[in-house]
Amino acid sequence: MRLLVELERLGTMGAVSEVTGMGTSAISKHLAVLEKEAGVVLLTPDGRRVRLTPAGHRLAEHAVDILARVEAAKAEMTGEGDPVGRVDLVTFISMAVPVVLPALERLRLDHPGIDVRLIEHEPDQALELLHNGDADLGLIYEYSLVPRRMPETLALHRIGSEPLLLAQSARSAGGGRRTMTRERLSELSGASWIANSRGSDEDELVQRMCGAAGFRPRIRHRIDNLEAVNAVVAAGWGVGVMPKLAAPRRRGIALTPLGGLGGVRRIYLVARTGSWAWRPIRTVAHYLRSTAREILDDVDEVEPPEQV
C-alpha cells in the first residue's frame, strides 16, 4: 500500500524507485500482488508509463489513513504515543468512591483516549470475569486471616491494605477507641453477629477471630447493603466487622480497631498474565495505585512490570 501511495504522490515508477530504493521491476511485482488482493484494476498503461485507475486513486486514499493508523499503533505499543483503548475495570463497592472514581477523573483529564467501563462485583465474581476474559483489570481483596487462592492464569500486584474495625452500638460499646483485646471480644460471645449473604470469606474471618477469643459467634443477620448494616448496628441489633473504607462515620455507632485479632484487608490489582504489557491497562493501574496511596495503609510503591 505504501508503494501505491507513493505512486499517486510522485506520479511515476522511476520517482517511486528513487524514493524507496527499489527497482521498478520489484515495484511492479508488489503492485501486481496488491491489485490481485484488491480484486480490481489499480493501474492502466499510459504510453511508456502507468497511471492509477479511479479504483487505484480511491484505494490510495484509504491507504493513507490505514498507514497512518498503523504508525499510530506502533507508536502506542512502543510507548511513543498517548495510550488509547478500552479497559473494563471490575471493582468492589467500598473502593469505588474513595479510590476508583477520583483516579478515573484524573485519568480522563490526562489520557482522554482511554475508555474505562466499570463493573461492580465482589472478588469471587471479579476473578471469574478476569479469568474468562470478560474484564481486563480488577481490584480485589483478601483478609490476612483468610488468604484467597488465586487462579494461575492471573497476575496479582498488591497495592496496599486497610485495618479492620468492630462496629457496634455506641450505647453498648466499651473500651472506647482502644484496640480490641481477646478479653473484651469474649464479652460479645452472646451478641448477634452480622455477615453478608454470600457466606464466604467474611464468615470465615468472623469465625477465626472469635475462635481466638474462645467462643463461636452466632451469625444472626445476613445483610449486603452497607446502609442497612449501619442501621442494624446503630439500633443495637447486631455487631459486625468492617474494613476502614466501608466503616460509617455516624452517630450511634462505635468503631473499635481490631488490631492483630482481625488482621487487615489486603487489596490487589489483578489482570490476566501477559496483559500488563498493554499500555492502557498499565496506565489505569498506575492512576489507581497513585490514588490508593492517599487512602490505604502500607501502599506498595512498585509498579507492575510490563512483561507480567
Protein backbone atom coordinates (compact mmCIF):
# COMPACT_ATOMS: atom_id res chain seq x y z
CA MET A 1 0.00 0.00 0.00
CA ARG A 2 2.85 2.38 0.73
CA LEU A 3 4.11 1.94 -2.86
CA LEU A 4 0.63 2.77 -4.16
CA VAL A 5 0.55 5.94 -2.06
CA GLU A 6 3.99 6.96 -3.33
CA LEU A 7 2.96 6.32 -6.94
CA GLU A 8 -0.06 8.57 -6.55
CA ARG A 9 2.08 11.26 -4.87
CA LEU A 10 5.06 11.13 -7.26
CA GLY A 11 3.37 10.08 -10.50
CA THR A 12 6.00 7.73 -11.98
CA MET A 13 7.58 4.37 -11.22
CA GLY A 14 11.02 5.94 -11.64
CA ALA A 15 10.32 8.54 -8.96
CA VAL A 16 8.99 5.86 -6.60
CA SER A 17 12.15 3.82 -7.27
CA GLU A 18 14.38 6.77 -6.32
CA VAL A 19 12.50 7.39 -3.07
CA THR A 20 12.22 3.75 -1.95
CA GLY A 21 15.48 2.37 -3.31
CA MET A 22 13.59 -0.48 -5.00
CA GLY A 23 13.85 -1.34 -8.67
CA THR A 24 10.91 -0.57 -10.94
CA SER A 25 10.50 -4.28 -11.68
CA ALA A 26 10.16 -5.09 -7.99
CA ILE A 27 7.70 -2.22 -7.51
CA SER A 28 5.60 -3.53 -10.41
CA LYS A 29 5.50 -7.00 -8.85
CA HIS A 30 4.37 -5.64 -5.46
CA LEU A 31 1.65 -3.55 -7.08
CA ALA A 32 0.50 -6.56 -9.11
CA VAL A 33 0.11 -8.55 -5.88
CA LEU A 34 -1.86 -5.67 -4.32
CA GLU A 35 -4.07 -5.47 -7.41
CA LYS A 36 -4.79 -9.21 -7.19
CA GLU A 37 -5.65 -8.94 -3.48
CA ALA A 38 -7.92 -5.93 -4.09
CA GLY A 39 -9.73 -7.72 -6.90
CA VAL A 40 -9.88 -4.61 -9.09
CA VAL A 41 -7.64 -2.97 -11.71
CA LEU A 42 -5.46 -0.36 -9.99
CA LEU A 43 -3.07 0.59 -12.82
CA THR A 44 -3.54 1.24 -16.50
CA PRO A 45 -0.88 1.84 -19.22
CA ASP A 46 -0.32 5.47 -20.23
CA GLY A 47 2.23 5.46 -23.03
CA ARG A 48 5.52 4.21 -21.55
CA ARG A 49 4.24 4.88 -18.04
CA VAL A 50 1.33 3.74 -15.91
CA ARG A 51 -1.31 5.76 -14.13
CA LEU A 52 -3.78 4.95 -11.40
CA THR A 53 -7.33 4.00 -12.30
CA PRO A 54 -10.20 5.61 -10.35
CA ALA A 55 -10.18 2.49 -8.14
CA GLY A 56 -6.43 2.93 -7.67
CA HIS A 57 -6.87 6.54 -6.59
CA ARG A 58 -9.60 5.57 -4.16
CA LEU A 59 -7.54 2.75 -2.65
CA ALA A 60 -4.59 5.14 -2.28
CA GLU A 61 -6.81 7.50 -0.29
CA HIS A 62 -7.78 4.65 2.03
CA ALA A 63 -4.16 3.53 2.22
CA VAL A 64 -3.08 6.92 3.59
CA ASP A 65 -5.50 6.52 6.50
CA ILE A 66 -4.58 2.85 7.04
CA LEU A 67 -0.85 3.55 7.10
CA ALA A 68 -1.37 6.46 9.50
CA ARG A 69 -3.28 4.18 11.84
CA VAL A 70 -0.55 1.55 11.63
CA GLU A 71 2.08 4.15 12.54
CA ALA A 72 -0.07 5.38 15.43
CA ALA A 73 -0.49 1.81 16.68
CA LYS A 74 3.27 1.22 16.51
CA ALA A 75 3.89 4.42 18.45
CA GLU A 76 1.34 3.41 21.07
CA MET A 77 2.79 -0.08 21.51
CA THR A 78 6.34 1.27 21.85
CA GLY A 79 5.30 3.96 24.31
CA GLU A 80 5.81 6.89 21.94
CA GLY A 81 2.16 7.93 21.67
CA ASP A 82 -0.66 8.51 24.15
CA PRO A 83 -2.29 5.23 25.27
CA VAL A 84 -5.62 4.56 23.61
CA GLY A 85 -8.14 1.78 24.19
CA ARG A 86 -10.98 0.40 26.25
CA VAL A 87 -10.39 -1.10 29.70
CA ASP A 88 -13.15 -2.99 31.52
CA LEU A 89 -12.44 -2.49 35.22
CA VAL A 90 -14.15 -4.65 37.84
CA THR A 91 -14.06 -3.39 41.43
CA PHE A 92 -15.77 -3.90 44.77
CA ILE A 93 -18.08 -1.19 46.09
CA SER A 94 -16.06 0.20 49.00
CA MET A 95 -13.15 1.09 46.68
CA ALA A 96 -15.35 2.76 44.07
CA VAL A 97 -16.00 6.16 45.66
CA PRO A 98 -12.78 6.88 47.61
CA VAL A 99 -10.28 5.45 45.10
CA VAL A 100 -11.66 4.41 41.70
CA LEU A 101 -13.72 7.49 40.81
CA PRO A 102 -11.05 10.07 41.75
CA ALA A 103 -8.44 8.03 39.87
CA LEU A 104 -10.58 7.86 36.73
CA GLU A 105 -11.31 11.58 36.89
CA ARG A 106 -7.56 12.29 36.80
CA LEU A 107 -7.07 9.68 34.09
CA ARG A 108 -9.76 11.26 31.91
CA LEU A 109 -8.04 14.65 32.06
CA ASP A 110 -4.57 13.28 31.29
CA HIS A 111 -5.41 10.42 28.88
CA PRO A 112 -8.78 11.02 27.19
CA GLY A 113 -8.09 8.19 24.74
CA ILE A 114 -8.57 5.54 27.43
CA ASP A 115 -12.21 4.47 27.79
CA VAL A 116 -12.85 2.78 31.16
CA ARG A 117 -16.02 0.76 31.74
CA LEU A 118 -16.87 -0.04 35.38
CA ILE A 119 -18.25 -3.34 36.69
CA GLU A 120 -19.11 -3.86 40.37
CA HIS A 121 -18.51 -7.31 41.83
CA GLU A 122 -17.09 -8.96 44.91
CA PRO A 123 -13.73 -10.78 44.50
CA ASP A 124 -15.06 -14.26 43.65
CA GLN A 125 -17.13 -12.95 40.74
CA ALA A 126 -14.40 -10.49 39.73
CA LEU A 127 -11.80 -13.25 39.46
CA GLU A 128 -14.16 -15.30 37.31
CA LEU A 129 -14.71 -12.35 34.93
CA LEU A 130 -10.97 -11.76 34.67
CA HIS A 131 -10.22 -15.44 34.15
CA ASN A 132 -12.83 -15.69 31.37
CA GLY A 133 -11.69 -12.51 29.64
CA ASP A 134 -14.88 -10.58 30.45
CA ALA A 135 -12.88 -7.92 32.34
CA ASP A 136 -9.40 -6.54 31.71
CA LEU A 137 -8.35 -5.22 35.12
CA GLY A 138 -9.69 -5.81 38.60
CA LEU A 139 -9.49 -4.62 42.18
CA ILE A 140 -9.99 -7.43 44.66
CA TYR A 141 -9.29 -8.05 48.33
CA GLU A 142 -8.45 -10.80 50.75
CA TYR A 143 -8.29 -10.93 54.53
CA SER A 144 -4.91 -11.67 56.06
CA LEU A 145 -6.60 -14.24 58.32
CA VAL A 146 -8.31 -15.87 55.32
CA PRO A 147 -5.85 -15.94 52.37
CA ARG A 148 -7.52 -16.35 48.99
CA ARG A 149 -6.50 -18.91 46.36
CA MET A 150 -5.87 -17.15 43.05
CA PRO A 151 -6.13 -18.67 39.54
CA GLU A 152 -2.75 -19.30 37.93
CA THR A 153 -3.94 -17.51 34.79
CA LEU A 154 -3.98 -14.18 36.64
CA ALA A 155 -1.15 -11.91 37.79
CA LEU A 156 -1.68 -10.02 41.05
CA HIS A 157 0.04 -6.92 42.40
CA ARG A 158 -0.69 -5.77 45.92
CA ILE A 159 -1.39 -2.06 46.22
CA GLY A 160 -1.98 -1.71 49.96
CA SER A 161 -4.02 -2.72 52.97
CA GLU A 162 -6.53 -1.30 55.41
CA PRO A 163 -7.32 -2.09 59.05
CA LEU A 164 -10.46 -3.87 60.21
CA LEU A 165 -12.83 -2.41 62.77
CA LEU A 166 -15.56 -3.81 65.00
CA ALA A 167 -18.82 -1.90 64.57
CA GLN A 168 -21.29 -1.96 67.45
CA SER A 169 -23.90 0.25 69.01
CA ALA A 170 -22.41 3.22 70.85
CA ARG A 171 -24.80 2.51 73.72
CA SER A 172 -23.25 -0.87 74.44
CA ALA A 173 -19.65 -0.33 73.36
CA GLY A 174 -16.96 -0.41 75.99
CA GLY A 175 -13.29 0.40 75.76
CA GLY A 176 -13.66 3.47 73.53
CA ARG A 177 -11.20 3.60 70.66
CA ARG A 178 -8.64 1.33 72.28
CA THR A 179 -7.55 -1.65 70.19
CA MET A 180 -9.68 -4.73 70.85
CA THR A 181 -8.36 -7.44 73.17
CA ARG A 182 -9.35 -11.10 73.42
CA GLU A 183 -10.90 -10.45 76.83
CA ARG A 184 -13.12 -7.63 75.58
CA LEU A 185 -14.03 -9.52 72.42
CA SER A 186 -15.08 -12.54 74.50
CA GLU A 187 -17.68 -10.31 76.15
CA LEU A 188 -19.51 -10.35 72.80
CA SER A 189 -19.95 -14.13 72.83
CA GLY A 190 -23.69 -13.66 73.27
CA ALA A 191 -24.05 -10.92 70.63
CA SER A 192 -25.86 -11.22 67.32
CA TRP A 193 -23.25 -11.01 64.57
CA ILE A 194 -23.78 -9.62 61.08
CA ALA A 195 -22.30 -11.18 57.95
CA ASN A 196 -23.08 -10.93 54.24
CA SER A 197 -25.47 -13.16 52.35
CA ARG A 198 -22.72 -14.98 50.46
CA GLY A 199 -21.40 -16.87 53.48
CA SER A 200 -17.84 -16.74 52.17
CA ASP A 201 -14.59 -15.22 53.42
CA GLU A 202 -16.35 -12.85 55.80
CA ASP A 203 -17.90 -15.80 57.63
CA GLU A 204 -14.53 -17.49 57.98
CA LEU A 205 -12.94 -14.24 59.20
CA VAL A 206 -15.53 -13.82 61.98
CA GLN A 207 -15.24 -17.50 62.94
CA ARG A 208 -11.43 -17.40 63.22
CA MET A 209 -11.36 -14.08 65.03
CA CYS A 210 -13.95 -15.09 67.60
CA GLY A 211 -12.39 -18.54 67.92
CA ALA A 212 -9.15 -16.87 69.01
CA ALA A 213 -11.16 -15.21 71.78
CA GLY A 214 -12.58 -18.56 72.87
CA PHE A 215 -16.13 -18.61 71.50
CA ARG A 216 -18.18 -19.47 68.45
CA PRO A 217 -20.06 -16.43 67.08
CA ARG A 218 -23.78 -16.54 66.45
CA ILE A 219 -24.30 -15.11 62.95
CA ARG A 220 -27.89 -13.97 63.08
CA HIS A 221 -28.14 -11.36 60.32
CA ARG A 222 -27.01 -11.66 56.69
CA ILE A 223 -27.03 -8.26 55.01
CA ASP A 224 -25.12 -6.95 51.97
CA ASN A 225 -26.19 -3.32 51.88
CA LEU A 226 -23.87 -1.15 53.99
CA GLU A 227 -26.58 1.36 54.88
CA ALA A 228 -28.76 -1.44 56.20
CA VAL A 229 -25.83 -2.88 58.18
CA ASN A 230 -25.20 0.53 59.73
CA ALA A 231 -28.85 0.89 60.72
CA VAL A 232 -28.90 -2.55 62.34
CA VAL A 233 -25.71 -1.79 64.27
CA ALA A 234 -26.92 1.63 65.39
CA ALA A 235 -30.17 0.11 66.63
CA GLY A 236 -28.20 -2.34 68.78
CA TRP A 237 -29.45 -5.42 66.95
CA GLY A 238 -26.03 -6.72 65.93
CA VAL A 239 -22.27 -6.25 65.67
CA GLY A 240 -20.01 -6.76 62.68
CA VAL A 241 -16.54 -6.45 61.20
CA MET A 242 -15.95 -3.61 58.75
CA PRO A 243 -12.88 -2.52 56.77
CA LYS A 244 -11.86 1.08 57.27
CA LEU A 245 -13.07 2.22 53.82
CA ALA A 246 -16.56 0.84 54.44
CA ALA A 247 -16.85 1.90 58.08
CA PRO A 248 -19.55 4.52 58.78
CA ARG A 249 -18.99 7.87 60.42
CA ARG A 250 -22.36 8.36 62.02
CA ARG A 251 -23.80 8.87 65.44
CA GLY A 252 -24.89 5.78 67.30
CA ILE A 253 -22.07 3.54 66.03
CA ALA A 254 -18.80 2.86 67.84
CA LEU A 255 -15.82 1.64 65.83
CA THR A 256 -13.09 -0.29 67.63
CA PRO A 257 -9.79 -1.20 65.93
CA LEU A 258 -9.39 -4.99 65.87
CA GLY A 259 -5.62 -4.92 65.55
CA GLY A 260 -3.98 -8.32 65.32
CA LEU A 261 -7.21 -10.10 66.26
CA GLY A 262 -8.80 -9.19 62.93
CA GLY A 263 -5.72 -8.66 60.81
CA VAL A 264 -6.02 -6.45 57.71
CA ARG A 265 -7.76 -6.43 54.36
CA ARG A 266 -5.20 -6.62 51.56
CA ILE A 267 -6.11 -5.06 48.22
CA TYR A 268 -4.73 -6.14 44.85
CA LEU A 269 -4.72 -5.11 41.22
CA VAL A 270 -5.35 -8.15 39.03
CA ALA A 271 -5.10 -8.81 35.30
CA ARG A 272 -4.58 -11.80 33.06
CA THR A 273 -0.97 -12.93 32.78
CA GLY A 274 0.57 -11.06 29.86
CA SER A 275 -2.00 -8.23 29.90
CA TRP A 276 0.29 -5.87 31.81
CA ALA A 277 2.23 -5.29 28.58
CA TRP A 278 -0.72 -3.31 27.17
CA ARG A 279 -0.24 0.37 27.99
CA PRO A 280 -3.90 1.30 28.68
CA ILE A 281 -4.07 -1.35 31.43
CA ARG A 282 -0.75 -0.25 32.93
CA THR A 283 -1.84 3.38 32.79
CA VAL A 284 -5.17 2.76 34.53
CA ALA A 285 -3.38 0.68 37.17
CA HIS A 286 -0.88 3.49 37.75
CA TYR A 287 -3.65 6.01 38.43
CA LEU A 288 -5.46 3.62 40.76
CA ARG A 289 -2.26 2.98 42.68
CA SER A 290 -1.46 6.70 42.93
CA THR A 291 -4.90 7.48 44.35
CA ALA A 292 -4.80 4.49 46.71
CA ARG A 293 -1.57 5.91 48.14
CA GLU A 294 -3.66 8.73 49.63
CA ILE A 295 -6.22 6.36 51.17
CA LEU A 296 -4.72 2.98 52.07
CA ASP A 297 -2.05 1.91 54.53
CA ASP A 298 1.20 0.17 53.65
CA VAL A 299 0.97 1.03 49.94
CA ASP A 300 3.29 -0.94 47.67
CA GLU A 301 5.28 1.56 45.58
CA VAL A 302 6.43 -0.97 42.96
CA GLU A 303 4.64 -0.72 39.61
CA PRO A 304 3.69 -3.97 37.79
CA PRO A 305 6.41 -4.97 35.30
CA GLU A 306 5.45 -4.81 31.62
CA GLN A 307 6.18 -8.44 30.87
CA VAL A 308 3.90 -9.93 33.57
